[in-house]
């Protein structure tokens, strides 16, 4: 019967190996947590509000089409998430939504 401590088989790690791998894993976890917190902070930062202040627009784009962009928003009265839609102005690259609406109206 051996009394010299635990036997080490092939592929066994020493205490120093475990400490260094634990340190690097811990650093990686801290880095991932910090990145997640930064992303969450960015997503919850209001970048615009409605003229009356009831609705807030956040920096999270949910979708984009040919005429509008949809971002995450918040109704501050009901505390419900809403979709904040903004019409895009195509500028010189194409006709805007309003130009096309005027053309349709004339028909």
PDB file of N, CA and C in Angstrom:
ATOM      1  N   UNK A   1       0.828  -1.172   0.000  1.00  0.00           N
ATOM      2  CA  UNK A   1       0.000   0.000   0.000  1.00  0.00           C
ATOM      3  C   UNK A   1       0.876   1.240   0.000  1.00  0.00           C
ATOM      4  N   UNK A   2       0.590   2.169  -0.911  1.00  0.00           N
ATOM      5  CA  UNK A   2       1.412   3.366  -1.026  1.00  0.00           C
ATOM      6  C   UNK A   2       0.886   4.453  -0.114  1.00  0.00           C
ATOM      7  N   UNK A   3       1.801   5.212   0.486  1.00  0.00           N
ATOM      8  CA  UNK A   3       1.405   6.314   1.349  1.00  0.00           C
ATOM      9  C   UNK A   3       1.981   7.640   0.875  1.00  0.00           C
ATOM     10  N   UNK A   4       2.545   7.684  -0.304  1.00  0.00           N
ATOM     11  CA  UNK A   4       3.226   8.868  -0.798  1.00  0.00           C
ATOM     12  C   UNK A   4       2.322   9.891  -1.450  1.00  0.00           C
ATOM     13  N   UNK A   5       1.039   9.743  -1.437  1.00  0.00           N
ATOM     14  CA  UNK A   5       0.136  10.707  -2.061  1.00  0.00           C
ATOM     15  C   UNK A   5      -0.563  10.090  -3.256  1.00  0.00           C
ATOM     16  N   UNK A   6      -1.363  10.878  -3.927  1.00  0.00           N
ATOM     17  CA  UNK A   6      -2.128  10.331  -5.052  1.00  0.00           C
ATOM     18  C   UNK A   6      -1.206   9.959  -6.203  1.00  0.00           C
ATOM     19  N   UNK A   7      -1.558   8.893  -6.894  1.00  0.00           N
ATOM     20  CA  UNK A   7      -0.740   8.484  -8.038  1.00  0.00           C
ATOM     21  C   UNK A   7      -1.119   9.332  -9.237  1.00  0.00           C
ATOM     22  N   UNK A   8      -0.144   9.571 -10.086  1.00  0.00           N
ATOM     23  CA  UNK A   8      -0.376  10.381 -11.280  1.00  0.00           C
ATOM     24  C   UNK A   8      -0.277   9.486 -12.493  1.00  0.00           C
ATOM     25  N   UNK A   9      -1.370   9.356 -13.171  1.00  0.00           N
ATOM     26  CA  UNK A   9      -1.377   8.555 -14.388  1.00  0.00           C
ATOM     27  C   UNK A   9      -1.058   9.421 -15.595  1.00  0.00           C
ATOM     28  N   UNK A  10      -1.052   8.822 -16.764  1.00  0.00           N
ATOM     29  CA  UNK A  10      -0.764   9.587 -17.974  1.00  0.00           C
ATOM     30  C   UNK A  10      -1.822  10.677 -18.178  1.00  0.00           C
ATOM     31  N   UNK A  11      -1.372  11.874 -18.561  1.00  0.00           N
ATOM     32  CA  UNK A  11      -2.284  12.974 -18.826  1.00  0.00           C
ATOM     33  C   UNK A  11      -2.749  13.718 -17.601  1.00  0.00           C
ATOM     34  N   UNK A  12      -2.269  13.324 -16.419  1.00  0.00           N
ATOM     35  CA  UNK A  12      -2.675  14.012 -15.190  1.00  0.00           C
ATOM     36  C   UNK A  12      -1.985  15.366 -15.116  1.00  0.00           C
ATOM     37  N   UNK A  13      -2.690  16.361 -14.581  1.00  0.00           N
ATOM     38  CA  UNK A  13      -2.147  17.703 -14.454  1.00  0.00           C
ATOM     39  C   UNK A  13      -1.607  17.929 -13.054  1.00  0.00           C
ATOM     40  N   UNK A  14      -0.523  18.675 -12.979  1.00  0.00           N
ATOM     41  CA  UNK A  14       0.019  19.027 -11.670  1.00  0.00           C
ATOM     42  C   UNK A  14      -0.784  20.192 -11.100  1.00  0.00           C
ATOM     43  N   UNK A  15      -0.563  20.498  -9.837  1.00  0.00           N
ATOM     44  CA  UNK A  15      -1.252  21.621  -9.188  1.00  0.00           C
ATOM     45  C   UNK A  15      -0.907  22.928  -9.891  1.00  0.00           C
ATOM     46  N   UNK A  16       0.324  23.097 -10.353  1.00  0.00           N
ATOM     47  CA  UNK A  16       0.734  24.321 -11.064  1.00  0.00           C
ATOM     48  C   UNK A  16      -0.021  24.444 -12.386  1.00  0.00           C
ATOM     49  N   UNK A  17      -0.170  23.303 -13.085  1.00  0.00           N
ATOM     50  CA  UNK A  17      -0.921  23.314 -14.344  1.00  0.00           C
ATOM     51  C   UNK A  17      -2.375  23.714 -14.103  1.00  0.00           C
ATOM     52  N   UNK A  18      -2.985  23.175 -13.068  1.00  0.00           N
ATOM     53  CA  UNK A  18      -4.367  23.496 -12.746  1.00  0.00           C
ATOM     54  C   UNK A  18      -4.521  24.969 -12.387  1.00  0.00           C
ATOM     55  N   UNK A  19      -3.573  25.509 -11.613  1.00  0.00           N
ATOM     56  CA  UNK A  19      -3.630  26.915 -11.235  1.00  0.00           C
ATOM     57  C   UNK A  19      -3.555  27.822 -12.453  1.00  0.00           C
ATOM     58  N   UNK A  20      -2.623  27.524 -13.387  1.00  0.00           N
ATOM     59  CA  UNK A  20      -2.473  28.393 -14.556  1.00  0.00           C
ATOM     60  C   UNK A  20      -3.684  28.281 -15.471  1.00  0.00           C
ATOM     61  N   UNK A  21      -4.257  27.081 -15.630  1.00  0.00           N
ATOM     62  CA  UNK A  21      -5.436  26.953 -16.479  1.00  0.00           C
ATOM     63  C   UNK A  21      -6.645  27.605 -15.815  1.00  0.00           C
ATOM     64  N   UNK A  22      -6.721  27.506 -14.505  1.00  0.00           N
ATOM     65  CA  UNK A  22      -7.817  28.154 -13.784  1.00  0.00           C
ATOM     66  C   UNK A  22      -7.717  29.667 -13.908  1.00  0.00           C
ATOM     67  N   UNK A  23      -6.500  30.205 -13.818  1.00  0.00           N
ATOM     68  CA  UNK A  23      -6.305  31.652 -13.960  1.00  0.00           C
ATOM     69  C   UNK A  23      -6.723  32.124 -15.342  1.00  0.00           C
ATOM     70  N   UNK A  24      -6.309  31.407 -16.393  1.00  0.00           N
ATOM     71  CA  UNK A  24      -6.656  31.843 -17.750  1.00  0.00           C
ATOM     72  C   UNK A  24      -8.154  31.691 -17.997  1.00  0.00           C
ATOM     73  N   UNK A  25      -8.758  30.641 -17.443  1.00  0.00           N
ATOM     74  CA  UNK A  25     -10.207  30.480 -17.578  1.00  0.00           C
ATOM     75  C   UNK A  25     -10.941  31.587 -16.834  1.00  0.00           C
ATOM     76  N   UNK A  26     -10.435  31.954 -15.675  1.00  0.00           N
ATOM     77  CA  UNK A  26     -11.047  33.035 -14.898  1.00  0.00           C
ATOM     78  C   UNK A  26     -10.941  34.367 -15.615  1.00  0.00           C
ATOM     79  N   UNK A  27      -9.776  34.622 -16.210  1.00  0.00           N
ATOM     80  CA  UNK A  27      -9.598  35.859 -16.969  1.00  0.00           C
ATOM     81  C   UNK A  27     -10.530  35.900 -18.174  1.00  0.00           C
ATOM     82  N   UNK A  28     -10.701  34.779 -18.832  1.00  0.00           N
ATOM     83  CA  UNK A  28     -11.600  34.692 -19.989  1.00  0.00           C
ATOM     84  C   UNK A  28     -13.041  34.951 -19.556  1.00  0.00           C
ATOM     85  N   UNK A  29     -13.450  34.370 -18.426  1.00  0.00           N
ATOM     86  CA  UNK A  29     -14.809  34.603 -17.915  1.00  0.00           C
ATOM     87  C   UNK A  29     -15.026  36.068 -17.591  1.00  0.00           C
ATOM     88  N   UNK A  30     -14.029  36.702 -16.970  1.00  0.00           N
ATOM     89  CA  UNK A  30     -14.130  38.131 -16.632  1.00  0.00           C
ATOM     90  C   UNK A  30     -14.238  38.958 -17.906  1.00  0.00           C
ATOM     91  N   UNK A  31     -13.431  38.641 -18.918  1.00  0.00           N
ATOM     92  CA  UNK A  31     -13.464  39.379 -20.186  1.00  0.00           C
ATOM     93  C   UNK A  31     -14.821  39.237 -20.861  1.00  0.00           C
ATOM     94  N   UNK A  32     -15.360  38.002 -20.885  1.00  0.00           N
ATOM     95  CA  UNK A  32     -16.677  37.788 -21.503  1.00  0.00           C
ATOM     96  C   UNK A  32     -17.763  38.522 -20.743  1.00  0.00           C
ATOM     97  N   UNK A  33     -17.697  38.519 -19.409  1.00  0.00           N
ATOM     98  CA  UNK A  33     -18.691  39.221 -18.605  1.00  0.00           C
ATOM     99  C   UNK A  33     -18.631  40.721 -18.872  1.00  0.00           C
ATOM    100  N   UNK A  34     -17.420  41.272 -18.950  1.00  0.00           N
ATOM    101  CA  UNK A  34     -17.279  42.702 -19.227  1.00  0.00           C
ATOM    102  C   UNK A  34     -17.823  43.062 -20.605  1.00  0.00           C
ATOM    103  N   UNK A  35     -17.551  42.217 -21.602  1.00  0.00           N
ATOM    104  CA  UNK A  35     -18.084  42.450 -22.943  1.00  0.00           C
ATOM    105  C   UNK A  35     -19.608  42.410 -22.938  1.00  0.00           C
ATOM    106  N   UNK A  36     -20.185  41.439 -22.219  1.00  0.00           N
ATOM    107  CA  UNK A  36     -21.636  41.319 -22.136  1.00  0.00           C
ATOM    108  C   UNK A  36     -22.244  42.537 -21.457  1.00  0.00           C
ATOM    109  N   UNK A  37     -21.615  43.002 -20.379  1.00  0.00           N
ATOM    110  CA  UNK A  37     -22.114  44.179 -19.671  1.00  0.00           C
ATOM    111  C   UNK A  37     -22.043  45.429 -20.541  1.00  0.00           C
ATOM    112  N   UNK A  38     -20.948  45.576 -21.310  1.00  0.00           N
ATOM    113  CA  UNK A  38     -20.832  46.716 -22.220  1.00  0.00           C
ATOM    114  C   UNK A  38     -21.916  46.672 -23.282  1.00  0.00           C
ATOM    115  N   UNK A  39     -22.170  45.479 -23.837  1.00  0.00           N
ATOM    116  CA  UNK A  39     -23.205  45.325 -24.863  1.00  0.00           C
ATOM    117  C   UNK A  39     -24.582  45.644 -24.290  1.00  0.00           C
ATOM    118  N   UNK A  40     -24.866  45.142 -23.076  1.00  0.00           N
ATOM    119  CA  UNK A  40     -26.156  45.417 -22.446  1.00  0.00           C
ATOM    120  C   UNK A  40     -26.314  46.903 -22.151  1.00  0.00           C
ATOM    121  N   UNK A  41     -25.233  47.546 -21.708  1.00  0.00           N
ATOM    122  CA  UNK A  41     -25.287  48.975 -21.424  1.00  0.00           C
ATOM    123  C   UNK A  41     -25.562  49.761 -22.707  1.00  0.00           C
ATOM    124  N   UNK A  42     -24.914  49.369 -23.783  1.00  0.00           N
ATOM    125  CA  UNK A  42     -25.124  50.037 -25.075  1.00  0.00           C
ATOM    126  C   UNK A  42     -26.565  49.851 -25.548  1.00  0.00           C
ATOM    127  N   UNK A  43     -27.112  48.645 -25.358  1.00  0.00           N
ATOM    128  CA  UNK A  43     -28.467  48.353 -25.801  1.00  0.00           C
ATOM    129  C   UNK A  43     -29.514  49.095 -24.977  1.00  0.00           C
ATOM    130  N   UNK A  44     -29.204  49.457 -23.750  1.00  0.00           N
ATOM    131  CA  UNK A  44     -30.196  50.126 -22.905  1.00  0.00           C
ATOM    132  C   UNK A  44     -29.994  51.634 -22.832  1.00  0.00           C
ATOM    133  N   UNK A  45     -29.072  52.160 -23.631  1.00  0.00           N
ATOM    134  CA  UNK A  45     -28.834  53.603 -23.664  1.00  0.00           C
ATOM    135  C   UNK A  45     -29.795  54.217 -24.669  1.00  0.00           C
ATOM    136  N   UNK A  46     -30.631  55.147 -24.211  1.00  0.00           N
ATOM    137  CA  UNK A  46     -31.585  55.812 -25.102  1.00  0.00           C
ATOM    138  C   UNK A  46     -30.830  56.778 -26.007  1.00  0.00           C
ATOM    139  N   UNK A  47     -31.123  56.714 -27.312  1.00  0.00           N
ATOM    140  CA  UNK A  47     -30.454  57.594 -28.265  1.00  0.00           C
ATOM    141  C   UNK A  47     -31.390  58.670 -28.794  1.00  0.00           C
ATOM    142  N   UNK A  48     -32.691  58.552 -28.521  1.00  0.00           N
ATOM    143  CA  UNK A  48     -33.665  59.563 -28.951  1.00  0.00           C
ATOM    144  C   UNK A  48     -34.924  59.410 -28.112  1.00  0.00           C
ATOM    145  N   UNK A  49     -35.729  60.448 -28.123  1.00  0.00           N
ATOM    146  CA  UNK A  49     -37.030  60.386 -27.452  1.00  0.00           C
ATOM    147  C   UNK A  49     -38.052  61.107 -28.306  1.00  0.00           C
ATOM    148  N   UNK A  50     -39.313  60.762 -28.098  1.00  0.00           N
ATOM    149  CA  UNK A  50     -40.385  61.414 -28.838  1.00  0.00           C
ATOM    150  C   UNK A  50     -40.516  62.863 -28.353  1.00  0.00           C
ATOM    151  N   UNK A  51     -41.157  63.725 -29.144  1.00  0.00           N
ATOM    152  CA  UNK A  51     -41.283  65.133 -28.739  1.00  0.00           C
ATOM    153  C   UNK A  51     -41.908  65.328 -27.349  1.00  0.00           C
ATOM    154  N   UNK A  52     -42.848  64.469 -26.984  1.00  0.00           N
ATOM    155  CA  UNK A  52     -43.472  64.603 -25.662  1.00  0.00           C
ATOM    156  C   UNK A  52     -42.718  63.833 -24.576  1.00  0.00           C
ATOM    157  N   UNK A  53     -41.669  63.089 -24.961  1.00  0.00           N
ATOM    158  CA  UNK A  53     -40.852  62.357 -23.999  1.00  0.00           C
ATOM    159  C   UNK A  53     -41.407  61.018 -23.567  1.00  0.00           C
ATOM    160  N   UNK A  54     -42.545  60.626 -24.114  1.00  0.00           N
ATOM    161  CA  UNK A  54     -43.149  59.369 -23.686  1.00  0.00           C
ATOM    162  C   UNK A  54     -42.368  58.158 -24.196  1.00  0.00           C
ATOM    163  N   UNK A  55     -41.878  58.223 -25.417  1.00  0.00           N
ATOM    164  CA  UNK A  55     -41.215  57.069 -26.029  1.00  0.00           C
ATOM    165  C   UNK A  55     -39.719  57.309 -26.120  1.00  0.00           C
ATOM    166  N   UNK A  56     -38.962  56.240 -25.881  1.00  0.00           N
ATOM    167  CA  UNK A  56     -37.505  56.285 -26.003  1.00  0.00           C
ATOM    168  C   UNK A  56     -37.071  55.328 -27.108  1.00  0.00           C
ATOM    169  N   UNK A  57     -36.066  55.735 -27.858  1.00  0.00           N
ATOM    170  CA  UNK A  57     -35.478  54.886 -28.891  1.00  0.00           C
ATOM    171  C   UNK A  57     -34.122  54.414 -28.378  1.00  0.00           C
ATOM    172  N   UNK A  58     -33.865  53.116 -28.550  1.00  0.00           N
ATOM    173  CA  UNK A  58     -32.591  52.552 -28.137  1.00  0.00           C
ATOM    174  C   UNK A  58     -31.733  52.246 -29.362  1.00  0.00           C
ATOM    175  N   UNK A  59     -30.489  51.953 -29.104  1.00  0.00           N
ATOM    176  CA  UNK A  59     -29.487  51.765 -30.153  1.00  0.00           C
ATOM    177  C   UNK A  59     -29.561  50.373 -30.791  1.00  0.00           C
ATOM    178  N   UNK A  60     -30.627  49.644 -30.599  1.00  0.00           N
ATOM    179  CA  UNK A  60     -30.738  48.286 -31.117  1.00  0.00           C
ATOM    180  C   UNK A  60     -31.643  48.308 -32.351  1.00  0.00           C
ATOM    181  N   UNK A  61     -31.048  48.051 -33.513  1.00  0.00           N
ATOM    182  CA  UNK A  61     -31.824  48.009 -34.753  1.00  0.00           C
ATOM    183  C   UNK A  61     -32.431  46.625 -34.910  1.00  0.00           C
ATOM    184  N   UNK A  62     -33.761  46.578 -35.057  1.00  0.00           N
ATOM    185  CA  UNK A  62     -34.455  45.301 -35.196  1.00  0.00           C
ATOM    186  C   UNK A  62     -34.623  44.899 -36.651  1.00  0.00           C
ATOM    187  N   UNK A  63     -34.726  45.893 -37.532  1.00  0.00           N
ATOM    188  CA  UNK A  63     -34.914  45.589 -38.945  1.00  0.00           C
ATOM    189  C   UNK A  63     -34.771  46.830 -39.794  1.00  0.00           C
ATOM    190  N   UNK A  64     -34.578  46.592 -41.086  1.00  0.00           N
ATOM    191  CA  UNK A  64     -34.417  47.701 -42.027  1.00  0.00           C
ATOM    192  C   UNK A  64     -35.038  47.276 -43.347  1.00  0.00           C
ATOM    193  N   UNK A  65     -35.836  48.162 -43.882  1.00  0.00           N
ATOM    194  CA  UNK A  65     -36.449  47.924 -45.181  1.00  0.00           C
ATOM    195  C   UNK A  65     -36.056  49.018 -46.145  1.00  0.00           C
ATOM    196  N   UNK A  66     -36.757  49.075 -47.265  1.00  0.00           N
ATOM    197  CA  UNK A  66     -36.405  50.079 -48.262  1.00  0.00           C
ATOM    198  C   UNK A  66     -36.842  51.475 -47.853  1.00  0.00           C
ATOM    199  N   UNK A  67     -37.823  51.599 -46.961  1.00  0.00           N
ATOM    200  CA  UNK A  67     -38.312  52.913 -46.575  1.00  0.00           C
ATOM    201  C   UNK A  67     -38.187  53.238 -45.096  1.00  0.00           C
ATOM    202  N   UNK A  68     -38.028  52.250 -44.258  1.00  0.00           N
ATOM    203  CA  UNK A  68     -37.947  52.572 -42.834  1.00  0.00           C
ATOM    204  C   UNK A  68     -37.001  51.648 -42.088  1.00  0.00           C
ATOM    205  N   UNK A  69     -36.572  52.136 -40.939  1.00  0.00           N
ATOM    206  CA  UNK A  69     -35.730  51.387 -40.019  1.00  0.00           C
ATOM    207  C   UNK A  69     -36.518  51.187 -38.731  1.00  0.00           C
ATOM    208  N   UNK A  70     -36.458  49.980 -38.191  1.00  0.00           N
ATOM    209  CA  UNK A  70     -37.184  49.672 -36.962  1.00  0.00           C
ATOM    210  C   UNK A  70     -36.167  49.407 -35.855  1.00  0.00           C
ATOM    211  N   UNK A  71     -36.304  50.155 -34.775  1.00  0.00           N
ATOM    212  CA  UNK A  71     -35.411  50.014 -33.623  1.00  0.00           C
ATOM    213  C   UNK A  71     -36.226  49.646 -32.397  1.00  0.00           C
ATOM    214  N   UNK A  72     -35.541  49.171 -31.378  1.00  0.00           N
ATOM    215  CA  UNK A  72     -36.201  48.865 -30.114  1.00  0.00           C
ATOM    216  C   UNK A  72     -36.532  50.170 -29.413  1.00  0.00           C
ATOM    217  N   UNK A  73     -37.716  50.217 -28.822  1.00  0.00           N
ATOM    218  CA  UNK A  73     -38.145  51.410 -28.111  1.00  0.00           C
ATOM    219  C   UNK A  73     -38.840  51.044 -26.818  1.00  0.00           C
ATOM    220  N   UNK A  74     -39.198  52.075 -26.068  1.00  0.00           N
ATOM    221  CA  UNK A  74     -39.869  51.873 -24.789  1.00  0.00           C
ATOM    222  C   UNK A  74     -40.928  52.937 -24.592  1.00  0.00           C
ATOM    223  N   UNK A  75     -42.124  52.514 -24.214  1.00  0.00           N
ATOM    224  CA  UNK A  75     -43.182  53.433 -23.798  1.00  0.00           C
ATOM    225  C   UNK A  75     -42.964  53.659 -22.308  1.00  0.00           C
ATOM    226  N   UNK A  76     -42.562  54.874 -21.937  1.00  0.00           N
ATOM    227  CA  UNK A  76     -42.220  55.142 -20.535  1.00  0.00           C
ATOM    228  C   UNK A  76     -43.440  55.194 -19.627  1.00  0.00           C
ATOM    229  N   UNK A  77     -44.638  55.329 -20.202  1.00  0.00           N
ATOM    230  CA  UNK A  77     -45.847  55.358 -19.370  1.00  0.00           C
ATOM    231  C   UNK A  77     -46.252  53.946 -18.973  1.00  0.00           C
ATOM    232  N   UNK A  78     -46.263  53.038 -19.951  1.00  0.00           N
ATOM    233  CA  UNK A  78     -46.694  51.659 -19.670  1.00  0.00           C
ATOM    234  C   UNK A  78     -45.519  50.724 -19.393  1.00  0.00           C
ATOM    235  N   UNK A  79     -44.301  51.185 -19.616  1.00  0.00           N
ATOM    236  CA  UNK A  79     -43.060  50.410 -19.502  1.00  0.00           C
ATOM    237  C   UNK A  79     -43.047  49.188 -20.431  1.00  0.00           C
ATOM    238  N   UNK A  80     -43.774  49.277 -21.527  1.00  0.00           N
ATOM    239  CA  UNK A  80     -43.810  48.208 -22.531  1.00  0.00           C
ATOM    240  C   UNK A  80     -42.788  48.502 -23.622  1.00  0.00           C
ATOM    241  N   UNK A  81     -42.142  47.446 -24.125  1.00  0.00           N
ATOM    242  CA  UNK A  81     -41.265  47.613 -25.274  1.00  0.00           C
ATOM    243  C   UNK A  81     -42.111  47.889 -26.500  1.00  0.00           C
ATOM    244  N   UNK A  82     -41.632  48.781 -27.358  1.00  0.00           N
ATOM    245  CA  UNK A  82     -42.334  49.130 -28.587  1.00  0.00           C
ATOM    246  C   UNK A  82     -41.346  49.104 -29.742  1.00  0.00           C
ATOM    247  N   UNK A  83     -41.873  49.146 -30.950  1.00  0.00           N
ATOM    248  CA  UNK A  83     -41.041  49.256 -32.143  1.00  0.00           C
ATOM    249  C   UNK A  83     -41.016  50.728 -32.549  1.00  0.00           C
ATOM    250  N   UNK A  84     -39.826  51.291 -32.638  1.00  0.00           N
ATOM    251  CA  UNK A  84     -39.645  52.694 -33.034  1.00  0.00           C
ATOM    252  C   UNK A  84     -39.328  52.665 -34.523  1.00  0.00           C
ATOM    253  N   UNK A  85     -40.256  53.163 -35.340  1.00  0.00           N
ATOM    254  CA  UNK A  85     -40.084  53.141 -36.793  1.00  0.00           C
ATOM    255  C   UNK A  85     -39.727  54.535 -37.285  1.00  0.00           C
ATOM    256  N   UNK A  86     -38.729  54.600 -38.147  1.00  0.00           N
ATOM    257  CA  UNK A  86     -38.323  55.864 -38.737  1.00  0.00           C
ATOM    258  C   UNK A  86     -38.281  55.716 -40.253  1.00  0.00           C
ATOM    259  N   UNK A  87     -38.906  56.648 -40.934  1.00  0.00           N
ATOM    260  CA  UNK A  87     -38.828  56.650 -42.389  1.00  0.00           C
ATOM    261  C   UNK A  87     -37.456  57.122 -42.807  1.00  0.00           C
ATOM    262  N   UNK A  88     -36.921  56.491 -43.834  1.00  0.00           N
ATOM    263  CA  UNK A  88     -35.606  56.861 -44.337  1.00  0.00           C
ATOM    264  C   UNK A  88     -35.774  57.814 -45.509  1.00  0.00           C
ATOM    265  N   UNK A  89     -34.881  58.757 -45.603  1.00  0.00           N
ATOM    266  CA  UNK A  89     -34.851  59.631 -46.757  1.00  0.00           C
ATOM    267  C   UNK A  89     -33.761  59.104 -47.674  1.00  0.00           C
ATOM    268  N   UNK A  90     -34.136  58.696 -48.865  1.00  0.00           N
ATOM    269  CA  UNK A  90     -33.173  58.087 -49.783  1.00  0.00           C
ATOM    270  C   UNK A  90     -32.231  59.113 -50.393  1.00  0.00           C
ATOM    271  N   UNK A  91     -32.539  60.383 -50.270  1.00  0.00           N
ATOM    272  CA  UNK A  91     -31.663  61.424 -50.797  1.00  0.00           C
ATOM    273  C   UNK A  91     -31.534  61.331 -52.302  1.00  0.00           C
ATOM    274  N   UNK A  92     -30.332  61.545 -52.802  1.00  0.00           N
ATOM    275  CA  UNK A  92     -30.099  61.559 -54.241  1.00  0.00           C
ATOM    276  C   UNK A  92     -30.071  60.167 -54.845  1.00  0.00           C
ATOM    277  N   UNK A  93     -29.952  59.146 -54.029  1.00  0.00           N
ATOM    278  CA  UNK A  93     -29.847  57.786 -54.549  1.00  0.00           C
ATOM    279  C   UNK A  93     -31.172  57.255 -55.080  1.00  0.00           C
ATOM    280  N   UNK A  94     -32.273  57.800 -54.639  1.00  0.00           N
ATOM    281  CA  UNK A  94     -33.572  57.322 -55.074  1.00  0.00           C
ATOM    282  C   UNK A  94     -34.655  58.236 -54.553  1.00  0.00           C
ATOM    283  N   UNK A  95     -35.869  57.897 -54.880  1.00  0.00           N
ATOM    284  CA  UNK A  95     -36.972  58.727 -54.410  1.00  0.00           C
ATOM    285  C   UNK A  95     -37.331  58.348 -52.991  1.00  0.00           C
ATOM    286  N   UNK A  96     -37.749  59.305 -52.236  1.00  0.00           N
ATOM    287  CA  UNK A  96     -38.122  59.048 -50.854  1.00  0.00           C
ATOM    288  C   UNK A  96     -39.544  58.501 -50.792  1.00  0.00           C
ATOM    289  N   UNK A  97     -39.901  58.056 -49.642  1.00  0.00           N
ATOM    290  CA  UNK A  97     -41.260  57.553 -49.398  1.00  0.00           C
ATOM    291  C   UNK A  97     -42.284  58.620 -49.752  1.00  0.00           C
ATOM    292  N   UNK A  98     -42.012  59.851 -49.334  1.00  0.00           N
ATOM    293  CA  UNK A  98     -42.974  60.937 -49.564  1.00  0.00           C
ATOM    294  C   UNK A  98     -43.105  61.255 -51.040  1.00  0.00           C
ATOM    295  N   UNK A  99     -42.007  61.193 -51.797  1.00  0.00           N
ATOM    296  CA  UNK A  99     -42.071  61.420 -53.243  1.00  0.00           C
ATOM    297  C   UNK A  99     -42.935  60.363 -53.908  1.00  0.00           C
ATOM    298  N   UNK A 100     -42.746  59.116 -53.506  1.00  0.00           N
ATOM    299  CA  UNK A 100     -43.551  58.046 -54.096  1.00  0.00           C
ATOM    300  C   UNK A 100     -45.013  58.169 -53.690  1.00  0.00           C
ATOM    301  N   UNK A 101     -45.277  58.584 -52.451  1.00  0.00           N
ATOM    302  CA  UNK A 101     -46.663  58.775 -52.016  1.00  0.00           C
ATOM    303  C   UNK A 101     -47.324  59.877 -52.841  1.00  0.00           C
ATOM    304  N   UNK A 102     -46.606  60.955 -53.124  1.00  0.00           N
ATOM    305  CA  UNK A 102     -47.139  62.040 -53.946  1.00  0.00           C
ATOM    306  C   UNK A 102     -47.428  61.556 -55.364  1.00  0.00           C
ATOM    307  N   UNK A 103     -46.527  60.735 -55.901  1.00  0.00           N
ATOM    308  CA  UNK A 103     -46.743  60.223 -57.256  1.00  0.00           C
ATOM    309  C   UNK A 103     -47.972  59.335 -57.306  1.00  0.00           C
ATOM    310  N   UNK A 104     -48.169  58.517 -56.311  1.00  0.00           N
ATOM    311  CA  UNK A 104     -49.339  57.629 -56.271  1.00  0.00           C
ATOM    312  C   UNK A 104     -50.620  58.441 -56.115  1.00  0.00           C
ATOM    313  N   UNK A 105     -50.558  59.466 -55.314  1.00  0.00           N
ATOM    314  CA  UNK A 105     -51.715  60.310 -55.075  1.00  0.00           C
ATOM    315  C   UNK A 105     -52.166  60.992 -56.376  1.00  0.00           C
ATOM    316  N   UNK A 106     -51.223  61.343 -57.247  1.00  0.00           N
ATOM    317  CA  UNK A 106     -51.540  62.023 -58.509  1.00  0.00           C
ATOM    318  C   UNK A 106     -52.200  61.108 -59.519  1.00  0.00           C
ATOM    319  N   UNK A 107     -52.035  59.794 -59.351  1.00  0.00           N
ATOM    320  CA  UNK A 107     -52.596  58.838 -60.316  1.00  0.00           C
ATOM    321  C   UNK A 107     -54.071  58.713 -60.200  1.00  0.00           C
TER     322      UNK A 107
END
